[in-house]
N, C-alpha and C. Protein backbone atom coordinates (compact mmCIF):
# COMPACT_ATOMS: atom_id res chain seq x y z
N UNK A 1 -68.49 -63.05 20.47
CA UNK A 1 -68.15 -62.06 21.46
C UNK A 1 -67.97 -62.73 22.81
N UNK A 2 -67.09 -62.20 23.61
CA UNK A 2 -66.76 -62.82 24.89
C UNK A 2 -67.98 -63.05 25.77
N UNK A 3 -68.87 -62.02 25.85
CA UNK A 3 -70.00 -62.10 26.76
C UNK A 3 -70.93 -63.24 26.42
N UNK A 4 -71.02 -63.65 25.16
CA UNK A 4 -71.93 -64.70 24.77
C UNK A 4 -71.53 -66.05 25.35
N UNK A 5 -70.27 -66.18 25.77
CA UNK A 5 -69.80 -67.43 26.34
C UNK A 5 -70.14 -67.54 27.82
N UNK A 6 -70.59 -66.45 28.43
CA UNK A 6 -70.91 -66.45 29.83
C UNK A 6 -72.23 -67.19 30.08
N UNK A 7 -72.41 -67.78 31.30
CA UNK A 7 -73.66 -68.46 31.58
C UNK A 7 -74.83 -67.49 31.60
N UNK A 8 -76.00 -67.95 31.09
CA UNK A 8 -77.18 -67.11 31.04
C UNK A 8 -77.79 -66.93 32.41
N UNK A 9 -77.55 -67.90 33.30
CA UNK A 9 -78.14 -67.86 34.64
C UNK A 9 -77.05 -68.01 35.70
N UNK A 10 -77.30 -67.37 36.83
CA UNK A 10 -76.41 -67.49 37.98
C UNK A 10 -77.27 -67.68 39.22
N UNK A 11 -76.72 -68.27 40.29
CA UNK A 11 -77.51 -68.44 41.50
C UNK A 11 -77.61 -67.13 42.29
N UNK A 12 -78.78 -66.86 42.81
CA UNK A 12 -78.98 -65.69 43.67
C UNK A 12 -78.16 -65.85 44.95
N UNK A 13 -77.49 -64.80 45.37
CA UNK A 13 -76.67 -64.86 46.58
C UNK A 13 -77.53 -65.08 47.83
N UNK A 14 -78.81 -64.70 47.75
CA UNK A 14 -79.67 -64.76 48.93
C UNK A 14 -80.44 -66.07 49.04
N UNK A 15 -81.16 -66.44 47.96
CA UNK A 15 -82.00 -67.64 48.03
C UNK A 15 -81.47 -68.80 47.20
N UNK A 16 -80.41 -68.54 46.42
CA UNK A 16 -79.77 -69.53 45.55
C UNK A 16 -80.62 -69.89 44.34
N UNK A 17 -81.70 -69.17 44.12
CA UNK A 17 -82.53 -69.42 42.96
C UNK A 17 -81.86 -68.91 41.70
N UNK A 18 -82.33 -69.32 40.51
CA UNK A 18 -81.72 -68.90 39.24
C UNK A 18 -82.01 -67.44 38.93
N UNK A 19 -80.96 -66.72 38.52
CA UNK A 19 -81.10 -65.30 38.18
C UNK A 19 -80.37 -65.06 36.85
N UNK A 20 -81.01 -64.34 35.93
CA UNK A 20 -80.36 -64.00 34.67
C UNK A 20 -79.17 -63.09 34.95
N UNK A 21 -78.10 -63.25 34.18
CA UNK A 21 -76.88 -62.48 34.44
C UNK A 21 -77.08 -60.98 34.33
N UNK A 22 -78.08 -60.52 33.56
CA UNK A 22 -78.30 -59.09 33.43
C UNK A 22 -79.41 -58.58 34.35
N UNK A 23 -79.99 -59.47 35.19
CA UNK A 23 -81.08 -59.07 36.07
C UNK A 23 -80.57 -58.20 37.23
N UNK A 24 -81.35 -57.20 37.58
CA UNK A 24 -81.02 -56.37 38.73
C UNK A 24 -81.47 -57.01 40.03
N UNK A 25 -82.58 -57.75 39.96
CA UNK A 25 -83.16 -58.36 41.16
C UNK A 25 -83.49 -59.82 40.89
N UNK A 26 -83.49 -60.62 41.96
CA UNK A 26 -83.87 -62.02 41.88
C UNK A 26 -85.39 -62.10 41.71
N UNK A 27 -85.85 -62.87 40.74
CA UNK A 27 -87.29 -63.00 40.51
C UNK A 27 -87.95 -63.90 41.54
N UNK A 28 -87.14 -64.62 42.33
CA UNK A 28 -87.68 -65.52 43.34
C UNK A 28 -87.87 -64.81 44.68
N UNK A 29 -86.78 -64.16 45.18
CA UNK A 29 -86.85 -63.52 46.50
C UNK A 29 -86.83 -62.00 46.45
N UNK A 30 -86.54 -61.46 45.27
CA UNK A 30 -86.55 -60.00 45.13
C UNK A 30 -85.28 -59.29 45.56
N UNK A 31 -84.26 -60.05 45.97
CA UNK A 31 -83.01 -59.43 46.44
C UNK A 31 -82.25 -58.81 45.27
N UNK A 32 -81.65 -57.62 45.51
CA UNK A 32 -80.83 -56.99 44.48
C UNK A 32 -79.60 -57.86 44.23
N UNK A 33 -79.16 -57.92 42.98
CA UNK A 33 -78.02 -58.73 42.60
C UNK A 33 -76.82 -57.86 42.24
N UNK A 34 -75.64 -58.45 42.31
CA UNK A 34 -74.46 -57.74 41.85
C UNK A 34 -74.41 -57.78 40.34
N UNK A 35 -73.61 -56.93 39.71
CA UNK A 35 -73.52 -56.92 38.24
C UNK A 35 -72.94 -58.22 37.71
N UNK A 36 -73.63 -58.81 36.73
CA UNK A 36 -73.16 -60.06 36.13
C UNK A 36 -72.03 -59.83 35.16
N UNK A 37 -71.31 -60.91 34.79
CA UNK A 37 -70.17 -60.82 33.87
C UNK A 37 -70.64 -60.73 32.42
N UNK A 38 -71.22 -59.60 32.04
CA UNK A 38 -71.79 -59.42 30.71
C UNK A 38 -71.24 -58.15 30.08
N UNK A 39 -71.41 -58.04 28.76
CA UNK A 39 -70.92 -56.85 28.07
C UNK A 39 -71.87 -55.68 28.26
N UNK A 40 -71.41 -54.49 27.89
CA UNK A 40 -72.19 -53.27 28.11
C UNK A 40 -73.52 -53.27 27.36
N UNK A 41 -73.53 -53.83 26.17
CA UNK A 41 -74.76 -53.86 25.38
C UNK A 41 -75.81 -54.72 26.07
N UNK A 42 -75.40 -55.92 26.48
CA UNK A 42 -76.31 -56.83 27.16
C UNK A 42 -76.80 -56.23 28.47
N UNK A 43 -75.91 -55.56 29.18
CA UNK A 43 -76.28 -54.96 30.47
C UNK A 43 -77.42 -53.96 30.32
N UNK A 44 -77.40 -53.25 29.21
CA UNK A 44 -78.44 -52.24 28.98
C UNK A 44 -79.54 -52.73 28.05
N UNK A 45 -79.54 -54.03 27.75
CA UNK A 45 -80.61 -54.60 26.95
C UNK A 45 -80.62 -54.13 25.52
N UNK A 46 -79.44 -53.91 24.95
CA UNK A 46 -79.32 -53.40 23.59
C UNK A 46 -78.60 -54.39 22.68
N UNK A 47 -78.88 -54.30 21.39
CA UNK A 47 -78.18 -55.11 20.41
C UNK A 47 -76.74 -54.61 20.30
N UNK A 48 -75.81 -55.55 20.16
CA UNK A 48 -74.39 -55.19 20.04
C UNK A 48 -74.13 -54.67 18.63
N UNK A 49 -74.23 -53.36 18.46
CA UNK A 49 -74.03 -52.72 17.17
C UNK A 49 -73.45 -51.33 17.38
N UNK A 50 -72.76 -50.83 16.34
CA UNK A 50 -72.26 -49.46 16.44
C UNK A 50 -73.40 -48.46 16.31
N UNK A 51 -74.44 -48.87 15.59
CA UNK A 51 -75.57 -47.97 15.31
C UNK A 51 -76.58 -47.98 16.45
N UNK A 52 -76.13 -47.57 17.62
CA UNK A 52 -76.99 -47.57 18.80
C UNK A 52 -78.03 -46.45 18.70
N UNK A 53 -79.26 -46.78 19.06
CA UNK A 53 -80.33 -45.79 19.16
C UNK A 53 -80.12 -45.04 20.48
N UNK A 54 -79.66 -43.80 20.41
CA UNK A 54 -79.31 -43.06 21.63
C UNK A 54 -80.52 -42.79 22.52
N UNK A 55 -81.70 -42.63 21.92
CA UNK A 55 -82.91 -42.44 22.74
C UNK A 55 -83.21 -43.71 23.52
N UNK A 56 -83.07 -44.87 22.88
CA UNK A 56 -83.30 -46.13 23.56
C UNK A 56 -82.24 -46.37 24.63
N UNK A 57 -81.00 -45.98 24.33
CA UNK A 57 -79.92 -46.10 25.31
C UNK A 57 -80.25 -45.33 26.58
N UNK A 58 -80.68 -44.09 26.42
CA UNK A 58 -81.01 -43.26 27.58
C UNK A 58 -82.22 -43.83 28.33
N UNK A 59 -83.21 -44.29 27.58
CA UNK A 59 -84.40 -44.85 28.20
C UNK A 59 -84.05 -46.05 29.07
N UNK A 60 -83.23 -46.95 28.52
CA UNK A 60 -82.83 -48.14 29.27
C UNK A 60 -82.00 -47.76 30.50
N UNK A 61 -81.03 -46.90 30.29
CA UNK A 61 -80.12 -46.52 31.37
C UNK A 61 -80.85 -45.87 32.54
N UNK A 62 -81.63 -44.83 32.25
CA UNK A 62 -82.30 -44.11 33.33
C UNK A 62 -83.40 -44.96 33.97
N UNK A 63 -83.99 -45.88 33.20
CA UNK A 63 -84.98 -46.78 33.77
C UNK A 63 -84.35 -47.70 34.80
N UNK A 64 -83.19 -48.25 34.46
CA UNK A 64 -82.48 -49.12 35.41
C UNK A 64 -82.00 -48.33 36.63
N UNK A 65 -81.45 -47.14 36.39
CA UNK A 65 -80.91 -46.36 37.49
C UNK A 65 -81.98 -45.93 38.49
N UNK A 66 -83.19 -45.67 38.00
CA UNK A 66 -84.28 -45.31 38.92
C UNK A 66 -84.57 -46.45 39.89
N UNK A 67 -84.45 -47.67 39.39
CA UNK A 67 -84.71 -48.84 40.24
C UNK A 67 -83.59 -49.05 41.26
N UNK A 68 -82.45 -48.42 41.03
CA UNK A 68 -81.30 -48.58 41.93
C UNK A 68 -81.03 -47.33 42.76
N UNK A 69 -81.98 -46.41 42.79
CA UNK A 69 -81.78 -45.17 43.54
C UNK A 69 -81.49 -45.48 45.01
N UNK A 70 -80.49 -44.81 45.59
CA UNK A 70 -80.11 -45.09 46.99
C UNK A 70 -81.27 -45.02 47.99
N UNK A 71 -82.26 -44.17 47.73
CA UNK A 71 -83.40 -44.07 48.66
C UNK A 71 -84.14 -45.38 48.78
N UNK A 72 -84.12 -46.18 47.73
CA UNK A 72 -84.82 -47.47 47.75
C UNK A 72 -84.11 -48.49 48.64
N UNK A 73 -82.85 -48.21 48.98
CA UNK A 73 -82.06 -49.18 49.74
C UNK A 73 -81.63 -48.65 51.10
N UNK A 74 -82.19 -47.52 51.49
CA UNK A 74 -81.80 -46.90 52.77
C UNK A 74 -82.02 -47.83 53.95
N UNK A 75 -83.08 -48.65 53.89
CA UNK A 75 -83.40 -49.53 55.02
C UNK A 75 -82.91 -50.96 54.79
N UNK A 76 -82.17 -51.18 53.73
CA UNK A 76 -81.67 -52.52 53.42
C UNK A 76 -80.37 -52.82 54.15
N UNK A 77 -79.90 -54.04 54.03
CA UNK A 77 -78.66 -54.44 54.69
C UNK A 77 -77.46 -53.80 54.00
N UNK A 78 -76.32 -53.71 54.69
CA UNK A 78 -75.11 -53.17 54.07
C UNK A 78 -74.74 -53.90 52.78
N UNK A 79 -74.94 -55.23 52.75
CA UNK A 79 -74.61 -55.99 51.55
C UNK A 79 -75.48 -55.57 50.38
N UNK A 80 -76.78 -55.40 50.62
CA UNK A 80 -77.69 -55.00 49.55
C UNK A 80 -77.38 -53.59 49.06
N UNK A 81 -77.02 -52.71 49.97
CA UNK A 81 -76.65 -51.35 49.55
C UNK A 81 -75.39 -51.38 48.70
N UNK A 82 -74.44 -52.22 49.09
CA UNK A 82 -73.19 -52.33 48.32
C UNK A 82 -73.44 -52.93 46.94
N UNK A 83 -74.31 -53.94 46.86
CA UNK A 83 -74.62 -54.57 45.58
C UNK A 83 -75.35 -53.61 44.66
N UNK A 84 -76.27 -52.82 45.22
CA UNK A 84 -77.00 -51.86 44.39
C UNK A 84 -76.05 -50.80 43.85
N UNK A 85 -75.08 -50.41 44.67
CA UNK A 85 -74.09 -49.43 44.21
C UNK A 85 -73.21 -50.01 43.12
N UNK A 86 -72.86 -51.29 43.26
CA UNK A 86 -72.05 -51.96 42.24
C UNK A 86 -72.80 -52.04 40.91
N UNK A 87 -74.09 -52.34 41.00
CA UNK A 87 -74.92 -52.37 39.79
C UNK A 87 -74.98 -50.99 39.14
N UNK A 88 -75.17 -49.97 39.96
CA UNK A 88 -75.26 -48.60 39.44
C UNK A 88 -73.95 -48.20 38.76
N UNK A 89 -72.83 -48.58 39.36
CA UNK A 89 -71.52 -48.26 38.79
C UNK A 89 -71.32 -48.96 37.45
N UNK A 90 -71.72 -50.24 37.38
CA UNK A 90 -71.59 -50.99 36.13
C UNK A 90 -72.46 -50.38 35.04
N UNK A 91 -73.66 -49.95 35.40
CA UNK A 91 -74.55 -49.31 34.43
C UNK A 91 -73.99 -47.98 33.97
N UNK A 92 -73.39 -47.23 34.90
CA UNK A 92 -72.76 -45.95 34.53
C UNK A 92 -71.65 -46.17 33.51
N UNK A 93 -70.82 -47.17 33.76
CA UNK A 93 -69.70 -47.46 32.85
C UNK A 93 -70.22 -47.86 31.48
N UNK A 94 -71.26 -48.70 31.45
CA UNK A 94 -71.84 -49.12 30.19
C UNK A 94 -72.41 -47.93 29.43
N UNK A 95 -73.13 -47.08 30.13
CA UNK A 95 -73.76 -45.91 29.49
C UNK A 95 -72.71 -44.94 28.95
N UNK A 96 -71.71 -44.63 29.76
CA UNK A 96 -70.68 -43.68 29.35
C UNK A 96 -69.90 -44.20 28.14
N UNK A 97 -69.73 -45.51 28.06
CA UNK A 97 -69.02 -46.10 26.93
C UNK A 97 -69.86 -46.08 25.66
N UNK A 98 -71.11 -46.48 25.78
CA UNK A 98 -71.94 -46.64 24.60
C UNK A 98 -72.50 -45.34 24.04
N UNK A 99 -72.59 -44.31 24.86
CA UNK A 99 -73.12 -43.04 24.34
C UNK A 99 -72.08 -42.27 23.53
N UNK A 100 -70.80 -42.60 23.72
CA UNK A 100 -69.71 -41.92 23.01
C UNK A 100 -69.31 -42.75 21.79
N UNK A 101 -69.47 -42.22 20.58
CA UNK A 101 -69.19 -43.00 19.37
C UNK A 101 -67.78 -43.59 19.32
N UNK A 102 -66.79 -42.81 19.77
CA UNK A 102 -65.41 -43.30 19.73
C UNK A 102 -65.22 -44.46 20.69
N UNK A 103 -65.67 -44.29 21.93
CA UNK A 103 -65.54 -45.37 22.92
C UNK A 103 -66.37 -46.58 22.50
N UNK A 104 -67.54 -46.32 21.94
CA UNK A 104 -68.42 -47.41 21.50
C UNK A 104 -67.77 -48.23 20.41
N UNK A 105 -67.16 -47.56 19.44
CA UNK A 105 -66.50 -48.26 18.34
C UNK A 105 -65.36 -49.13 18.86
N UNK A 106 -64.53 -48.54 19.71
CA UNK A 106 -63.39 -49.28 20.25
C UNK A 106 -63.86 -50.47 21.08
N UNK A 107 -64.90 -50.26 21.89
CA UNK A 107 -65.41 -51.34 22.75
C UNK A 107 -66.00 -52.47 21.92
N UNK A 108 -66.82 -52.10 20.91
CA UNK A 108 -67.43 -53.13 20.07
C UNK A 108 -66.38 -53.92 19.31
N UNK A 109 -65.37 -53.23 18.78
CA UNK A 109 -64.31 -53.92 18.05
C UNK A 109 -63.52 -54.86 18.97
N UNK A 110 -63.34 -54.45 20.21
CA UNK A 110 -62.65 -55.34 21.16
C UNK A 110 -63.48 -56.59 21.42
N UNK A 111 -64.80 -56.41 21.54
CA UNK A 111 -65.67 -57.58 21.71
C UNK A 111 -65.56 -58.53 20.51
N UNK A 112 -65.29 -57.93 19.35
CA UNK A 112 -65.19 -58.72 18.11
C UNK A 112 -63.76 -59.20 17.85
N UNK A 113 -62.88 -59.01 18.85
CA UNK A 113 -61.53 -59.54 18.75
C UNK A 113 -60.52 -58.62 18.10
N UNK A 114 -60.84 -57.33 17.97
CA UNK A 114 -59.93 -56.36 17.35
C UNK A 114 -59.74 -55.18 18.30
N UNK A 115 -58.70 -55.23 19.11
CA UNK A 115 -58.48 -54.22 20.13
C UNK A 115 -57.97 -52.91 19.53
N UNK A 116 -58.53 -51.80 19.99
CA UNK A 116 -58.09 -50.46 19.59
C UNK A 116 -57.66 -49.73 20.85
N UNK A 117 -56.41 -49.30 20.90
CA UNK A 117 -55.88 -48.62 22.08
C UNK A 117 -56.11 -47.11 21.95
N UNK A 118 -57.12 -46.60 22.63
CA UNK A 118 -57.43 -45.17 22.56
C UNK A 118 -56.52 -44.34 23.45
N UNK A 119 -55.75 -45.00 24.33
CA UNK A 119 -54.88 -44.26 25.24
C UNK A 119 -53.50 -44.01 24.64
N UNK A 120 -53.17 -44.69 23.54
CA UNK A 120 -51.85 -44.52 22.92
C UNK A 120 -51.70 -43.09 22.42
N UNK A 121 -50.56 -42.48 22.72
CA UNK A 121 -50.35 -41.09 22.33
C UNK A 121 -49.00 -40.90 21.63
N UNK A 122 -48.51 -41.98 21.03
CA UNK A 122 -47.22 -41.90 20.36
C UNK A 122 -47.34 -41.32 18.96
N UNK A 123 -46.29 -41.49 18.17
CA UNK A 123 -46.27 -40.98 16.80
C UNK A 123 -47.26 -41.73 15.93
N UNK A 124 -47.95 -41.00 15.05
CA UNK A 124 -48.89 -41.62 14.12
C UNK A 124 -48.11 -42.34 13.04
N UNK A 125 -48.34 -43.64 12.90
CA UNK A 125 -47.58 -44.43 11.93
C UNK A 125 -48.15 -44.33 10.51
N UNK A 126 -49.44 -44.02 10.41
CA UNK A 126 -50.09 -43.88 9.10
C UNK A 126 -49.73 -42.52 8.51
N UNK A 127 -48.96 -42.52 7.41
CA UNK A 127 -48.46 -41.26 6.85
C UNK A 127 -49.58 -40.36 6.35
N UNK A 128 -50.61 -40.94 5.72
CA UNK A 128 -51.71 -40.11 5.21
C UNK A 128 -52.49 -39.49 6.37
N UNK A 129 -52.66 -40.25 7.44
CA UNK A 129 -53.35 -39.72 8.61
C UNK A 129 -52.51 -38.64 9.28
N UNK A 130 -51.20 -38.87 9.32
CA UNK A 130 -50.28 -37.88 9.91
C UNK A 130 -50.35 -36.57 9.15
N UNK A 131 -50.30 -36.63 7.83
CA UNK A 131 -50.36 -35.42 7.01
C UNK A 131 -51.69 -34.69 7.18
N UNK A 132 -52.76 -35.46 7.24
CA UNK A 132 -54.10 -34.87 7.43
C UNK A 132 -54.16 -34.10 8.74
N UNK A 133 -53.65 -34.73 9.79
CA UNK A 133 -53.69 -34.10 11.11
C UNK A 133 -52.82 -32.84 11.14
N UNK A 134 -51.64 -32.91 10.55
CA UNK A 134 -50.72 -31.77 10.55
C UNK A 134 -51.34 -30.58 9.80
N UNK A 135 -51.93 -30.85 8.64
CA UNK A 135 -52.51 -29.78 7.83
C UNK A 135 -53.71 -29.13 8.53
N UNK A 136 -54.56 -29.93 9.10
CA UNK A 136 -55.75 -29.40 9.75
C UNK A 136 -55.41 -28.68 11.06
N UNK A 137 -54.44 -29.22 11.78
CA UNK A 137 -54.03 -28.56 13.02
C UNK A 137 -53.36 -27.22 12.73
N UNK A 138 -52.59 -27.18 11.65
CA UNK A 138 -51.94 -25.93 11.25
C UNK A 138 -52.99 -24.89 10.84
N UNK A 139 -54.02 -25.33 10.13
CA UNK A 139 -55.07 -24.41 9.71
C UNK A 139 -55.80 -23.83 10.91
N UNK A 140 -56.05 -24.66 11.91
CA UNK A 140 -56.71 -24.19 13.13
C UNK A 140 -55.81 -23.20 13.87
N UNK A 141 -54.53 -23.53 13.95
CA UNK A 141 -53.59 -22.65 14.66
C UNK A 141 -53.46 -21.30 13.96
N UNK A 142 -53.54 -21.29 12.62
CA UNK A 142 -53.37 -20.05 11.85
C UNK A 142 -54.64 -19.21 11.78
N UNK A 143 -55.78 -19.80 12.11
CA UNK A 143 -57.05 -19.07 12.01
C UNK A 143 -57.01 -17.84 12.92
N UNK A 144 -57.30 -16.66 12.36
CA UNK A 144 -57.21 -15.43 13.15
C UNK A 144 -58.50 -14.62 13.13
N UNK A 145 -59.59 -15.24 12.65
CA UNK A 145 -60.88 -14.55 12.67
C UNK A 145 -61.98 -15.54 13.04
N UNK A 146 -63.08 -15.00 13.57
CA UNK A 146 -64.21 -15.85 13.96
C UNK A 146 -64.79 -16.55 12.73
N UNK A 147 -64.84 -15.84 11.61
CA UNK A 147 -65.39 -16.42 10.39
C UNK A 147 -64.58 -17.63 9.94
N UNK A 148 -63.26 -17.50 9.96
CA UNK A 148 -62.39 -18.59 9.51
C UNK A 148 -62.49 -19.79 10.43
N UNK A 149 -62.42 -19.57 11.73
CA UNK A 149 -62.45 -20.69 12.67
C UNK A 149 -63.83 -21.34 12.71
N UNK A 150 -64.88 -20.56 12.44
CA UNK A 150 -66.23 -21.13 12.40
C UNK A 150 -66.34 -22.13 11.26
N UNK A 151 -65.78 -21.78 10.10
CA UNK A 151 -65.79 -22.70 8.96
C UNK A 151 -64.96 -23.94 9.25
N UNK A 152 -63.80 -23.75 9.86
CA UNK A 152 -62.94 -24.89 10.19
C UNK A 152 -63.59 -25.80 11.23
N UNK A 153 -64.27 -25.19 12.19
CA UNK A 153 -64.95 -25.97 13.23
C UNK A 153 -66.08 -26.79 12.63
N UNK A 154 -66.84 -26.17 11.74
CA UNK A 154 -67.95 -26.89 11.08
C UNK A 154 -67.40 -28.04 10.24
N UNK A 155 -66.30 -27.79 9.54
CA UNK A 155 -65.68 -28.84 8.72
C UNK A 155 -65.17 -29.99 9.58
N UNK A 156 -64.62 -29.65 10.75
CA UNK A 156 -64.11 -30.68 11.66
C UNK A 156 -65.25 -31.55 12.18
N UNK A 157 -66.37 -30.92 12.53
CA UNK A 157 -67.53 -31.67 13.00
C UNK A 157 -68.08 -32.58 11.90
N UNK A 158 -68.07 -32.08 10.67
CA UNK A 158 -68.53 -32.88 9.54
C UNK A 158 -67.62 -34.08 9.32
N UNK A 159 -66.32 -33.87 9.47
CA UNK A 159 -65.36 -34.97 9.34
C UNK A 159 -65.62 -36.07 10.36
N UNK A 160 -65.94 -35.65 11.58
CA UNK A 160 -66.23 -36.61 12.66
C UNK A 160 -67.45 -37.45 12.30
N UNK A 161 -68.52 -36.79 11.88
CA UNK A 161 -69.74 -37.51 11.53
C UNK A 161 -69.53 -38.43 10.33
N UNK A 162 -68.77 -37.97 9.34
CA UNK A 162 -68.48 -38.78 8.17
C UNK A 162 -67.69 -40.03 8.55
N UNK A 163 -66.72 -39.86 9.42
CA UNK A 163 -65.90 -40.99 9.86
C UNK A 163 -66.75 -42.01 10.62
N UNK A 164 -67.69 -41.52 11.43
CA UNK A 164 -68.59 -42.42 12.15
C UNK A 164 -69.42 -43.25 11.18
N UNK A 165 -69.88 -42.63 10.10
CA UNK A 165 -70.66 -43.35 9.09
C UNK A 165 -69.82 -44.44 8.43
N UNK A 166 -68.55 -44.13 8.17
CA UNK A 166 -67.66 -45.11 7.55
C UNK A 166 -67.34 -46.26 8.53
N UNK A 167 -67.24 -45.94 9.81
CA UNK A 167 -67.02 -46.99 10.81
C UNK A 167 -68.22 -47.94 10.83
N UNK A 168 -69.41 -47.36 10.82
CA UNK A 168 -70.63 -48.17 10.81
C UNK A 168 -70.65 -49.11 9.61
N UNK A 169 -70.33 -48.58 8.44
CA UNK A 169 -70.34 -49.38 7.22
C UNK A 169 -69.29 -50.49 7.29
N UNK A 170 -68.12 -50.17 7.82
CA UNK A 170 -67.03 -51.16 7.91
C UNK A 170 -67.40 -52.29 8.87
N UNK A 171 -67.97 -51.93 10.03
CA UNK A 171 -68.36 -52.96 11.00
C UNK A 171 -69.50 -53.81 10.46
N UNK A 172 -70.50 -53.15 9.89
CA UNK A 172 -71.64 -53.90 9.34
C UNK A 172 -71.22 -54.79 8.18
N UNK A 173 -70.17 -54.38 7.46
CA UNK A 173 -69.66 -55.18 6.36
C UNK A 173 -68.59 -56.16 6.80
N UNK A 174 -68.36 -56.23 8.11
CA UNK A 174 -67.37 -57.15 8.71
C UNK A 174 -65.95 -56.89 8.20
N UNK A 175 -65.70 -55.65 7.80
CA UNK A 175 -64.34 -55.25 7.41
C UNK A 175 -63.69 -54.64 8.66
N UNK A 176 -63.31 -55.51 9.57
CA UNK A 176 -62.91 -55.05 10.90
C UNK A 176 -61.55 -54.37 10.92
N UNK A 177 -60.63 -54.77 10.07
CA UNK A 177 -59.33 -54.09 10.02
C UNK A 177 -59.53 -52.64 9.60
N UNK A 178 -60.40 -52.42 8.62
CA UNK A 178 -60.70 -51.06 8.18
C UNK A 178 -61.41 -50.29 9.29
N UNK A 179 -62.27 -50.97 10.03
CA UNK A 179 -62.98 -50.32 11.14
C UNK A 179 -62.00 -49.87 12.22
N UNK A 180 -60.98 -50.68 12.46
CA UNK A 180 -59.95 -50.30 13.43
C UNK A 180 -59.21 -49.06 12.96
N UNK A 181 -58.83 -49.05 11.68
CA UNK A 181 -58.12 -47.90 11.10
C UNK A 181 -58.98 -46.64 11.22
N UNK A 182 -60.25 -46.76 10.91
CA UNK A 182 -61.16 -45.61 10.96
C UNK A 182 -61.39 -45.14 12.39
N UNK A 183 -61.41 -46.06 13.33
CA UNK A 183 -61.60 -45.69 14.74
C UNK A 183 -60.41 -44.89 15.24
N UNK A 184 -59.21 -45.29 14.82
CA UNK A 184 -58.02 -44.52 15.19
C UNK A 184 -58.09 -43.13 14.56
N UNK A 185 -58.54 -43.06 13.32
CA UNK A 185 -58.69 -41.77 12.65
C UNK A 185 -59.73 -40.91 13.39
N UNK A 186 -60.82 -41.54 13.82
CA UNK A 186 -61.86 -40.81 14.54
C UNK A 186 -61.31 -40.20 15.83
N UNK A 187 -60.42 -40.93 16.48
CA UNK A 187 -59.81 -40.41 17.70
C UNK A 187 -59.16 -39.05 17.46
N UNK A 188 -58.40 -38.95 16.38
CA UNK A 188 -57.71 -37.69 16.07
C UNK A 188 -58.66 -36.63 15.53
N UNK A 189 -59.68 -37.04 14.78
CA UNK A 189 -60.66 -36.08 14.28
C UNK A 189 -61.44 -35.45 15.43
N UNK A 190 -61.77 -36.25 16.42
CA UNK A 190 -62.49 -35.74 17.60
C UNK A 190 -61.63 -34.71 18.33
N UNK A 191 -60.34 -35.00 18.45
CA UNK A 191 -59.42 -34.06 19.10
C UNK A 191 -59.33 -32.77 18.31
N UNK A 192 -59.26 -32.86 16.98
CA UNK A 192 -59.21 -31.67 16.14
C UNK A 192 -60.48 -30.83 16.30
N UNK A 193 -61.61 -31.49 16.34
CA UNK A 193 -62.89 -30.79 16.49
C UNK A 193 -62.94 -30.06 17.82
N UNK A 194 -62.39 -30.69 18.87
CA UNK A 194 -62.35 -30.04 20.18
C UNK A 194 -61.44 -28.83 20.15
N UNK A 195 -60.29 -28.95 19.49
CA UNK A 195 -59.36 -27.83 19.38
C UNK A 195 -59.99 -26.67 18.61
N UNK A 196 -60.73 -26.99 17.55
CA UNK A 196 -61.39 -25.95 16.76
C UNK A 196 -62.45 -25.23 17.58
N UNK A 197 -63.22 -25.98 18.37
CA UNK A 197 -64.25 -25.35 19.21
C UNK A 197 -63.63 -24.45 20.26
N UNK A 198 -62.51 -24.90 20.84
CA UNK A 198 -61.82 -24.10 21.84
C UNK A 198 -61.30 -22.80 21.23
N UNK A 199 -60.69 -22.91 20.04
CA UNK A 199 -60.17 -21.73 19.35
C UNK A 199 -61.31 -20.79 18.97
N UNK A 200 -62.41 -21.34 18.52
CA UNK A 200 -63.57 -20.52 18.15
C UNK A 200 -64.09 -19.75 19.35
N UNK A 201 -64.17 -20.43 20.50
CA UNK A 201 -64.65 -19.78 21.72
C UNK A 201 -63.74 -18.64 22.12
N UNK A 202 -62.42 -18.85 21.99
CA UNK A 202 -61.45 -17.82 22.38
C UNK A 202 -61.53 -16.61 21.44
N UNK A 203 -61.59 -16.86 20.14
CA UNK A 203 -61.66 -15.77 19.19
C UNK A 203 -62.97 -15.00 19.30
N UNK A 204 -64.04 -15.71 19.62
CA UNK A 204 -65.34 -15.05 19.78
C UNK A 204 -65.31 -14.10 20.98
N UNK A 205 -64.69 -14.55 22.07
CA UNK A 205 -64.59 -13.69 23.25
C UNK A 205 -63.75 -12.45 22.95
N UNK A 206 -62.67 -12.67 22.21
CA UNK A 206 -61.78 -11.54 21.89
C UNK A 206 -62.45 -10.53 20.96
N UNK A 207 -63.39 -11.00 20.14
CA UNK A 207 -64.04 -10.11 19.16
C UNK A 207 -65.13 -9.26 19.78
N UNK A 208 -65.50 -9.56 21.00
CA UNK A 208 -66.58 -8.80 21.64
C UNK A 208 -66.09 -7.44 22.13
């Protein structure tokens, strides 16, 4: 992974002493540090895996953010306030990426040398995936009762969870091409699940 090639230590901007790349503060002088060139997993002290423990993720994230609260830096220099804000921003980005299964899968695969473009919105090239999406989207569009859309919404959520399990298995088995394919599928399944929830909410309001 790219981050493993980065130096483990960097000089503190204040005292020039050695500081770990993921450290928030210098252990020598106590000065807050800017975010080091490390991956999101390392930044939050987590193992680089798709199977992230979400409770541990939250514990790490909020623990670090408490130490960077703006009130702690109100009397500090402008540079220290700016560095603390940069650290907080980097932690936010890491947390937002790793807590979302789709973003986490794409990010981890990119670290492993297999880029997944989640922003692409062109035609689906996989015919089986295209047919799956068309059939499920049509079923959601045709749903005209709360009972029907509730079943479709539950099925969509189950599809999302099932796909996440298959992504985990593919990554753990180092079948990265399959993991990429499944991550692209997850992107569309997540969108379908969102559409089903929106339709369910609308039909529920209309039924009242």
